[in-house]
């Protein structure tokens, strides 16, 4: 799984790295098992530096956004060859 969390909040580089790390909790909440040695779960974080915001609030929202995005992607994916999509099971 690969994804990107984008925010318009202003955080220093260290906090953005932490946000990327915390956002992986959204993967863990939506995919089981997650973060195994056989997958490449990766999240990037981009910031527009437009507003001041609470890091804790943005972290909570990022985790939930990642979780919801995975579920939405799973539900709307189409069958590809022999790989059945959720909606076709």
PDB file of N, CA and C in Angstrom:
ATOM      1  N   UNK A   1       0.837  -1.155   0.000  1.00  0.00           N
ATOM      2  CA  UNK A   1       0.000   0.000   0.000  1.00  0.00           C
ATOM      3  C   UNK A   1       0.891   1.230   0.000  1.00  0.00           C
ATOM      4  N   UNK A   2       0.551   2.179  -0.839  1.00  0.00           N
ATOM      5  CA  UNK A   2       1.300   3.428  -0.871  1.00  0.00           C
ATOM      6  C   UNK A   2       0.289   4.569  -0.859  1.00  0.00           C
ATOM      7  N   UNK A   3       0.601   5.620  -0.140  1.00  0.00           N
ATOM      8  CA  UNK A   3      -0.335   6.731  -0.056  1.00  0.00           C
ATOM      9  C   UNK A   3       0.342   8.022   0.340  1.00  0.00           C
ATOM     10  N   UNK A   4      -0.458   9.072   0.356  1.00  0.00           N
ATOM     11  CA  UNK A   4       0.048  10.395   0.693  1.00  0.00           C
ATOM     12  C   UNK A   4      -0.968  11.116   1.569  1.00  0.00           C
ATOM     13  N   UNK A   5      -0.502  11.668   2.663  1.00  0.00           N
ATOM     14  CA  UNK A   5      -1.318  12.504   3.535  1.00  0.00           C
ATOM     15  C   UNK A   5      -0.905  13.940   3.260  1.00  0.00           C
ATOM     16  N   UNK A   6      -1.882  14.775   2.945  1.00  0.00           N
ATOM     17  CA  UNK A   6      -1.590  16.181   2.658  1.00  0.00           C
ATOM     18  C   UNK A   6      -2.312  17.063   3.668  1.00  0.00           C
ATOM     19  N   UNK A   7      -1.633  18.090   4.131  1.00  0.00           N
ATOM     20  CA  UNK A   7      -2.214  19.016   5.093  1.00  0.00           C
ATOM     21  C   UNK A   7      -1.821  20.444   4.731  1.00  0.00           C
ATOM     22  N   UNK A   8      -2.667  21.370   5.125  1.00  0.00           N
ATOM     23  CA  UNK A   8      -2.309  22.776   4.935  1.00  0.00           C
ATOM     24  C   UNK A   8      -1.738  23.367   6.221  1.00  0.00           C
ATOM     25  N   UNK A   9      -1.545  22.521   7.224  1.00  0.00           N
ATOM     26  CA  UNK A   9      -0.992  22.965   8.507  1.00  0.00           C
ATOM     27  C   UNK A   9       0.513  23.213   8.395  1.00  0.00           C
ATOM     28  N   UNK A  10       1.004  24.056   9.283  1.00  0.00           N
ATOM     29  CA  UNK A  10       2.426  24.388   9.335  1.00  0.00           C
ATOM     30  C   UNK A  10       3.090  23.611  10.465  1.00  0.00           C
ATOM     31  N   UNK A  11       4.010  22.722  10.112  1.00  0.00           N
ATOM     32  CA  UNK A  11       4.771  21.964  11.097  1.00  0.00           C
ATOM     33  C   UNK A  11       6.229  21.912  10.661  1.00  0.00           C
ATOM     34  N   UNK A  12       7.153  21.836  11.613  1.00  0.00           N
ATOM     35  CA  UNK A  12       8.562  21.652  11.242  1.00  0.00           C
ATOM     36  C   UNK A  12       8.786  20.252  10.665  1.00  0.00           C
ATOM     37  N   UNK A  13       9.918  20.077  10.030  1.00  0.00           N
ATOM     38  CA  UNK A  13      10.238  18.815   9.362  1.00  0.00           C
ATOM     39  C   UNK A  13      10.112  17.611  10.298  1.00  0.00           C
ATOM     40  N   UNK A  14      10.584  17.727  11.515  1.00  0.00           N
ATOM     41  CA  UNK A  14      10.524  16.608  12.461  1.00  0.00           C
ATOM     42  C   UNK A  14       9.080  16.198  12.742  1.00  0.00           C
ATOM     43  N   UNK A  15       8.198  17.177  12.861  1.00  0.00           N
ATOM     44  CA  UNK A  15       6.779  16.875  13.106  1.00  0.00           C
ATOM     45  C   UNK A  15       6.142  16.234  11.874  1.00  0.00           C
ATOM     46  N   UNK A  16       6.541  16.666  10.691  1.00  0.00           N
ATOM     47  CA  UNK A  16       6.005  16.060   9.471  1.00  0.00           C
ATOM     48  C   UNK A  16       6.437  14.598   9.370  1.00  0.00           C
ATOM     49  N   UNK A  17       7.679  14.311   9.744  1.00  0.00           N
ATOM     50  CA  UNK A  17       8.144  12.921   9.776  1.00  0.00           C
ATOM     51  C   UNK A  17       7.336  12.107  10.773  1.00  0.00           C
ATOM     52  N   UNK A  18       7.068  12.696  11.931  1.00  0.00           N
ATOM     53  CA  UNK A  18       6.264  12.020  12.952  1.00  0.00           C
ATOM     54  C   UNK A  18       4.842  11.793  12.444  1.00  0.00           C
ATOM     55  N   UNK A  19       4.292  12.766  11.724  1.00  0.00           N
ATOM     56  CA  UNK A  19       2.945  12.623  11.171  1.00  0.00           C
ATOM     57  C   UNK A  19       2.886  11.458  10.184  1.00  0.00           C
ATOM     58  N   UNK A  20       3.907  11.307   9.370  1.00  0.00           N
ATOM     59  CA  UNK A  20       3.964  10.171   8.446  1.00  0.00           C
ATOM     60  C   UNK A  20       3.980   8.861   9.221  1.00  0.00           C
ATOM     61  N   UNK A  21       4.755   8.821  10.289  1.00  0.00           N
ATOM     62  CA  UNK A  21       4.838   7.630  11.130  1.00  0.00           C
ATOM     63  C   UNK A  21       3.491   7.324  11.776  1.00  0.00           C
ATOM     64  N   UNK A  22       2.867   8.320  12.363  1.00  0.00           N
ATOM     65  CA  UNK A  22       1.578   8.142  13.039  1.00  0.00           C
ATOM     66  C   UNK A  22       0.495   7.740  12.045  1.00  0.00           C
ATOM     67  N   UNK A  23       0.548   8.272  10.837  1.00  0.00           N
ATOM     68  CA  UNK A  23      -0.471   7.978   9.827  1.00  0.00           C
ATOM     69  C   UNK A  23      -0.531   6.494   9.481  1.00  0.00           C
ATOM     70  N   UNK A  24       0.554   5.786   9.709  1.00  0.00           N
ATOM     71  CA  UNK A  24       0.567   4.343   9.465  1.00  0.00           C
ATOM     72  C   UNK A  24      -0.435   3.608  10.352  1.00  0.00           C
ATOM     73  N   UNK A  25      -0.863   4.218  11.439  1.00  0.00           N
ATOM     74  CA  UNK A  25      -1.895   3.597  12.271  1.00  0.00           C
ATOM     75  C   UNK A  25      -3.186   3.418  11.489  1.00  0.00           C
ATOM     76  N   UNK A  26      -3.445   4.293  10.524  1.00  0.00           N
ATOM     77  CA  UNK A  26      -4.617   4.138   9.666  1.00  0.00           C
ATOM     78  C   UNK A  26      -4.538   2.873   8.837  1.00  0.00           C
ATOM     79  N   UNK A  27      -3.335   2.532   8.381  1.00  0.00           N
ATOM     80  CA  UNK A  27      -3.139   1.279   7.656  1.00  0.00           C
ATOM     81  C   UNK A  27      -3.437   0.107   8.580  1.00  0.00           C
ATOM     82  N   UNK A  28      -2.895   0.160   9.787  1.00  0.00           N
ATOM     83  CA  UNK A  28      -3.086  -0.928  10.749  1.00  0.00           C
ATOM     84  C   UNK A  28      -4.551  -1.097  11.140  1.00  0.00           C
ATOM     85  N   UNK A  29      -5.317  -0.018  11.126  1.00  0.00           N
ATOM     86  CA  UNK A  29      -6.733  -0.102  11.477  1.00  0.00           C
ATOM     87  C   UNK A  29      -7.585  -0.642  10.334  1.00  0.00           C
ATOM     88  N   UNK A  30      -7.091  -0.567   9.106  1.00  0.00           N
ATOM     89  CA  UNK A  30      -7.879  -0.985   7.950  1.00  0.00           C
ATOM     90  C   UNK A  30      -7.421  -2.306   7.338  1.00  0.00           C
ATOM     91  N   UNK A  31      -6.157  -2.648   7.484  1.00  0.00           N
ATOM     92  CA  UNK A  31      -5.603  -3.849   6.850  1.00  0.00           C
ATOM     93  C   UNK A  31      -4.999  -4.747   7.920  1.00  0.00           C
ATOM     94  N   UNK A  32      -5.411  -6.001   7.913  1.00  0.00           N
ATOM     95  CA  UNK A  32      -4.848  -6.967   8.856  1.00  0.00           C
ATOM     96  C   UNK A  32      -4.491  -8.234   8.103  1.00  0.00           C
ATOM     97  N   UNK A  33      -3.281  -8.698   8.159  1.00  0.00           N
ATOM     98  CA  UNK A  33      -2.158  -8.077   8.858  1.00  0.00           C
ATOM     99  C   UNK A  33      -1.586  -6.914   8.044  1.00  0.00           C
ATOM    100  N   UNK A  34      -0.965  -6.012   8.720  1.00  0.00           N
ATOM    101  CA  UNK A  34      -0.309  -4.889   8.053  1.00  0.00           C
ATOM    102  C   UNK A  34       1.149  -4.836   8.497  1.00  0.00           C
ATOM    103  N   UNK A  35       1.929  -4.125   7.732  1.00  0.00           N
ATOM    104  CA  UNK A  35       3.343  -3.918   8.048  1.00  0.00           C
ATOM    105  C   UNK A  35       4.109  -5.225   8.245  1.00  0.00           C
ATOM    106  N   UNK A  36       3.855  -6.169   7.341  1.00  0.00           N
ATOM    107  CA  UNK A  36       4.614  -7.414   7.399  1.00  0.00           C
ATOM    108  C   UNK A  36       5.921  -7.235   6.624  1.00  0.00           C
ATOM    109  N   UNK A  37       6.775  -8.225   6.696  1.00  0.00           N
ATOM    110  CA  UNK A  37       8.041  -8.145   5.966  1.00  0.00           C
ATOM    111  C   UNK A  37       7.837  -8.348   4.469  1.00  0.00           C
ATOM    112  N   UNK A  38       6.624  -8.725   4.056  1.00  0.00           N
ATOM    113  CA  UNK A  38       6.352  -9.016   2.650  1.00  0.00           C
ATOM    114  C   UNK A  38       5.672  -7.875   1.905  1.00  0.00           C
ATOM    115  N   UNK A  39       5.313  -6.807   2.593  1.00  0.00           N
ATOM    116  CA  UNK A  39       4.644  -5.707   1.900  1.00  0.00           C
ATOM    117  C   UNK A  39       5.502  -4.447   1.937  1.00  0.00           C
ATOM    118  N   UNK A  40       5.027  -3.449   1.244  1.00  0.00           N
ATOM    119  CA  UNK A  40       5.792  -2.202   1.175  1.00  0.00           C
ATOM    120  C   UNK A  40       4.962  -1.017   1.614  1.00  0.00           C
ATOM    121  N   UNK A  41       4.236  -1.177   2.716  1.00  0.00           N
ATOM    122  CA  UNK A  41       3.376  -0.100   3.210  1.00  0.00           C
ATOM    123  C   UNK A  41       4.183   1.182   3.375  1.00  0.00           C
ATOM    124  N   UNK A  42       3.792   2.209   2.623  1.00  0.00           N
ATOM    125  CA  UNK A  42       4.514   3.477   2.633  1.00  0.00           C
ATOM    126  C   UNK A  42       3.535   4.631   2.586  1.00  0.00           C
ATOM    127  N   UNK A  43       3.760   5.622   3.423  1.00  0.00           N
ATOM    128  CA  UNK A  43       2.973   6.855   3.399  1.00  0.00           C
ATOM    129  C   UNK A  43       3.916   8.047   3.349  1.00  0.00           C
ATOM    130  N   UNK A  44       3.581   8.998   2.520  1.00  0.00           N
ATOM    131  CA  UNK A  44       4.309  10.258   2.435  1.00  0.00           C
ATOM    132  C   UNK A  44       3.423  11.354   3.007  1.00  0.00           C
ATOM    133  N   UNK A  45       4.018  12.417   3.488  1.00  0.00           N
ATOM    134  CA  UNK A  45       3.261  13.563   4.006  1.00  0.00           C
ATOM    135  C   UNK A  45       3.732  14.820   3.285  1.00  0.00           C
ATOM    136  N   UNK A  46       2.765  15.603   2.827  1.00  0.00           N
ATOM    137  CA  UNK A  46       3.049  16.888   2.190  1.00  0.00           C
ATOM    138  C   UNK A  46       2.363  17.981   2.984  1.00  0.00           C
ATOM    139  N   UNK A  47       3.031  19.094   3.170  1.00  0.00           N
ATOM    140  CA  UNK A  47       2.454  20.214   3.906  1.00  0.00           C
ATOM    141  C   UNK A  47       2.503  21.498   3.099  1.00  0.00           C
ATOM    142  N   UNK A  48       1.399  22.254   3.132  1.00  0.00           N
ATOM    143  CA  UNK A  48       1.318  23.512   2.387  1.00  0.00           C
ATOM    144  C   UNK A  48       1.727  24.709   3.235  1.00  0.00           C
ATOM    145  N   UNK A  49       1.883  24.504   4.540  1.00  0.00           N
ATOM    146  CA  UNK A  49       2.311  25.582   5.445  1.00  0.00           C
ATOM    147  C   UNK A  49       1.447  26.839   5.325  1.00  0.00           C
ATOM    148  N   UNK A  50       0.137  26.653   5.422  1.00  0.00           N
ATOM    149  CA  UNK A  50      -0.781  27.780   5.285  1.00  0.00           C
ATOM    150  C   UNK A  50      -1.429  28.216   6.593  1.00  0.00           C
ATOM    151  N   UNK A  51      -1.624  27.262   7.513  1.00  0.00           N
ATOM    152  CA  UNK A  51      -2.320  27.597   8.760  1.00  0.00           C
ATOM    153  C   UNK A  51      -1.606  26.983   9.958  1.00  0.00           C
ATOM    154  N   UNK A  52      -1.839  27.547  11.122  1.00  0.00           N
ATOM    155  CA  UNK A  52      -1.375  26.953  12.374  1.00  0.00           C
ATOM    156  C   UNK A  52      -2.434  25.953  12.823  1.00  0.00           C
ATOM    157  N   UNK A  53      -2.005  24.809  13.311  1.00  0.00           N
ATOM    158  CA  UNK A  53      -2.948  23.785  13.756  1.00  0.00           C
ATOM    159  C   UNK A  53      -2.318  22.946  14.847  1.00  0.00           C
ATOM    160  N   UNK A  54      -3.167  22.304  15.621  1.00  0.00           N
ATOM    161  CA  UNK A  54      -2.716  21.392  16.663  1.00  0.00           C
ATOM    162  C   UNK A  54      -2.168  20.121  16.014  1.00  0.00           C
ATOM    163  N   UNK A  55      -0.954  19.752  16.373  1.00  0.00           N
ATOM    164  CA  UNK A  55      -0.366  18.535  15.812  1.00  0.00           C
ATOM    165  C   UNK A  55      -1.195  17.312  16.182  1.00  0.00           C
ATOM    166  N   UNK A  56      -1.694  17.266  17.409  1.00  0.00           N
ATOM    167  CA  UNK A  56      -2.485  16.129  17.853  1.00  0.00           C
ATOM    168  C   UNK A  56      -3.764  16.003  17.033  1.00  0.00           C
ATOM    169  N   UNK A  57      -4.427  17.125  16.778  1.00  0.00           N
ATOM    170  CA  UNK A  57      -5.665  17.092  15.991  1.00  0.00           C
ATOM    171  C   UNK A  57      -5.395  16.625  14.565  1.00  0.00           C
ATOM    172  N   UNK A  58      -4.350  17.144  13.959  1.00  0.00           N
ATOM    173  CA  UNK A  58      -4.013  16.751  12.591  1.00  0.00           C
ATOM    174  C   UNK A  58      -3.637  15.273  12.552  1.00  0.00           C
ATOM    175  N   UNK A  59      -2.934  14.788  13.560  1.00  0.00           N
ATOM    176  CA  UNK A  59      -2.550  13.377  13.622  1.00  0.00           C
ATOM    177  C   UNK A  59      -3.772  12.475  13.673  1.00  0.00           C
ATOM    178  N   UNK A  60      -4.722  12.822  14.518  1.00  0.00           N
ATOM    179  CA  UNK A  60      -5.952  12.031  14.650  1.00  0.00           C
ATOM    180  C   UNK A  60      -6.704  12.008  13.322  1.00  0.00           C
ATOM    181  N   UNK A  61      -6.821  13.165  12.696  1.00  0.00           N
ATOM    182  CA  UNK A  61      -7.529  13.252  11.416  1.00  0.00           C
ATOM    183  C   UNK A  61      -6.797  12.487  10.315  1.00  0.00           C
ATOM    184  N   UNK A  62      -5.484  12.520  10.328  1.00  0.00           N
ATOM    185  CA  UNK A  62      -4.703  11.810   9.310  1.00  0.00           C
ATOM    186  C   UNK A  62      -4.901  10.302   9.414  1.00  0.00           C
ATOM    187  N   UNK A  63      -4.877   9.777  10.624  1.00  0.00           N
ATOM    188  CA  UNK A  63      -5.084   8.340  10.827  1.00  0.00           C
ATOM    189  C   UNK A  63      -6.451   7.930  10.301  1.00  0.00           C
ATOM    190  N   UNK A  64      -7.469   8.694  10.633  1.00  0.00           N
ATOM    191  CA  UNK A  64      -8.828   8.373  10.188  1.00  0.00           C
ATOM    192  C   UNK A  64      -8.958   8.525   8.674  1.00  0.00           C
ATOM    193  N   UNK A  65      -8.325   9.530   8.103  1.00  0.00           N
ATOM    194  CA  UNK A  65      -8.383   9.726   6.648  1.00  0.00           C
ATOM    195  C   UNK A  65      -7.734   8.556   5.907  1.00  0.00           C
ATOM    196  N   UNK A  66      -6.606   8.086   6.401  1.00  0.00           N
ATOM    197  CA  UNK A  66      -5.934   6.937   5.781  1.00  0.00           C
ATOM    198  C   UNK A  66      -6.824   5.707   5.871  1.00  0.00           C
ATOM    199  N   UNK A  67      -7.389   5.462   7.043  1.00  0.00           N
ATOM    200  CA  UNK A  67      -8.277   4.304   7.227  1.00  0.00           C
ATOM    201  C   UNK A  67      -9.452   4.358   6.259  1.00  0.00           C
ATOM    202  N   UNK A  68     -10.102   5.507   6.189  1.00  0.00           N
ATOM    203  CA  UNK A  68     -11.271   5.648   5.311  1.00  0.00           C
ATOM    204  C   UNK A  68     -10.897   5.536   3.834  1.00  0.00           C
ATOM    205  N   UNK A  69      -9.749   6.058   3.465  1.00  0.00           N
ATOM    206  CA  UNK A  69      -9.311   5.978   2.069  1.00  0.00           C
ATOM    207  C   UNK A  69      -9.074   4.531   1.646  1.00  0.00           C
ATOM    208  N   UNK A  70      -8.496   3.739   2.527  1.00  0.00           N
ATOM    209  CA  UNK A  70      -8.257   2.326   2.224  1.00  0.00           C
ATOM    210  C   UNK A  70      -9.578   1.597   2.047  1.00  0.00           C
ATOM    211  N   UNK A  71     -10.515   1.834   2.942  1.00  0.00           N
ATOM    212  CA  UNK A  71     -11.824   1.185   2.852  1.00  0.00           C
ATOM    213  C   UNK A  71     -12.548   1.616   1.582  1.00  0.00           C
ATOM    214  N   UNK A  72     -12.532   2.909   1.281  1.00  0.00           N
ATOM    215  CA  UNK A  72     -13.194   3.403   0.065  1.00  0.00           C
ATOM    216  C   UNK A  72     -12.555   2.808  -1.187  1.00  0.00           C
ATOM    217  N   UNK A  73     -11.242   2.741  -1.203  1.00  0.00           N
ATOM    218  CA  UNK A  73     -10.547   2.158  -2.345  1.00  0.00           C
ATOM    219  C   UNK A  73     -10.879   0.691  -2.532  1.00  0.00           C
ATOM    220  N   UNK A  74     -10.977  -0.028  -1.428  1.00  0.00           N
ATOM    221  CA  UNK A  74     -11.323  -1.447  -1.477  1.00  0.00           C
ATOM    222  C   UNK A  74     -12.731  -1.640  -2.013  1.00  0.00           C
ATOM    223  N   UNK A  75     -13.654  -0.821  -1.554  1.00  0.00           N
ATOM    224  CA  UNK A  75     -15.057  -0.965  -1.959  1.00  0.00           C
ATOM    225  C   UNK A  75     -15.315  -0.541  -3.402  1.00  0.00           C
ATOM    226  N   UNK A  76     -14.505   0.340  -3.941  1.00  0.00           N
ATOM    227  CA  UNK A  76     -14.742   0.827  -5.306  1.00  0.00           C
ATOM    228  C   UNK A  76     -13.830   0.192  -6.350  1.00  0.00           C
ATOM    229  N   UNK A  77     -12.896  -0.627  -5.930  1.00  0.00           N
ATOM    230  CA  UNK A  77     -11.977  -1.271  -6.875  1.00  0.00           C
ATOM    231  C   UNK A  77     -12.731  -2.242  -7.778  1.00  0.00           C
ATOM    232  N   UNK A  78     -12.231  -2.406  -8.990  1.00  0.00           N
ATOM    233  CA  UNK A  78     -12.834  -3.322  -9.955  1.00  0.00           C
ATOM    234  C   UNK A  78     -12.000  -4.595 -10.051  1.00  0.00           C
ATOM    235  N   UNK A  79     -12.672  -5.682 -10.407  1.00  0.00           N
ATOM    236  CA  UNK A  79     -11.987  -6.943 -10.621  1.00  0.00           C
ATOM    237  C   UNK A  79     -10.970  -6.781 -11.745  1.00  0.00           C
ATOM    238  N   UNK A  80      -9.807  -7.395 -11.563  1.00  0.00           N
ATOM    239  CA  UNK A  80      -8.744  -7.336 -12.563  1.00  0.00           C
ATOM    240  C   UNK A  80      -8.282  -8.759 -12.844  1.00  0.00           C
ATOM    241  N   UNK A  81      -8.598  -9.256 -14.020  1.00  0.00           N
ATOM    242  CA  UNK A  81      -8.219 -10.619 -14.363  1.00  0.00           C
ATOM    243  C   UNK A  81      -8.829 -11.612 -13.389  1.00  0.00           C
ATOM    244  N   UNK A  82      -7.977 -12.445 -12.808  1.00  0.00           N
ATOM    245  CA  UNK A  82      -8.440 -13.443 -11.846  1.00  0.00           C
ATOM    246  C   UNK A  82      -8.532 -12.909 -10.422  1.00  0.00           C
ATOM    247  N   UNK A  83      -8.180 -11.644 -10.221  1.00  0.00           N
ATOM    248  CA  UNK A  83      -8.222 -11.038  -8.892  1.00  0.00           C
ATOM    249  C   UNK A  83      -9.581 -10.388  -8.682  1.00  0.00           C
ATOM    250  N   UNK A  84     -10.422 -11.037  -7.877  1.00  0.00           N
ATOM    251  CA  UNK A  84     -11.768 -10.527  -7.639  1.00  0.00           C
ATOM    252  C   UNK A  84     -11.749  -9.307  -6.734  1.00  0.00           C
ATOM    253  N   UNK A  85     -12.574  -8.338  -7.080  1.00  0.00           N
ATOM    254  CA  UNK A  85     -12.731  -7.147  -6.252  1.00  0.00           C
ATOM    255  C   UNK A  85     -13.736  -7.427  -5.147  1.00  0.00           C
ATOM    256  N   UNK A  86     -13.680  -6.632  -4.112  1.00  0.00           N
ATOM    257  CA  UNK A  86     -14.595  -6.744  -2.972  1.00  0.00           C
ATOM    258  C   UNK A  86     -16.043  -6.770  -3.436  1.00  0.00           C
ATOM    259  N   UNK A  87     -16.402  -5.899  -4.376  1.00  0.00           N
ATOM    260  CA  UNK A  87     -17.788  -5.795  -4.824  1.00  0.00           C
ATOM    261  C   UNK A  87     -18.254  -7.013  -5.612  1.00  0.00           C
ATOM    262  N   UNK A  88     -17.335  -7.865  -6.048  1.00  0.00           N
ATOM    263  CA  UNK A  88     -17.689  -9.059  -6.816  1.00  0.00           C
ATOM    264  C   UNK A  88     -17.627 -10.342  -5.992  1.00  0.00           C
ATOM    265  N   UNK A  89     -17.328 -10.217  -4.730  1.00  0.00           N
ATOM    266  CA  UNK A  89     -17.229 -11.406  -3.872  1.00  0.00           C
ATOM    267  C   UNK A  89     -18.581 -11.706  -3.265  1.00  0.00           C
TER     268      UNK A  89
END
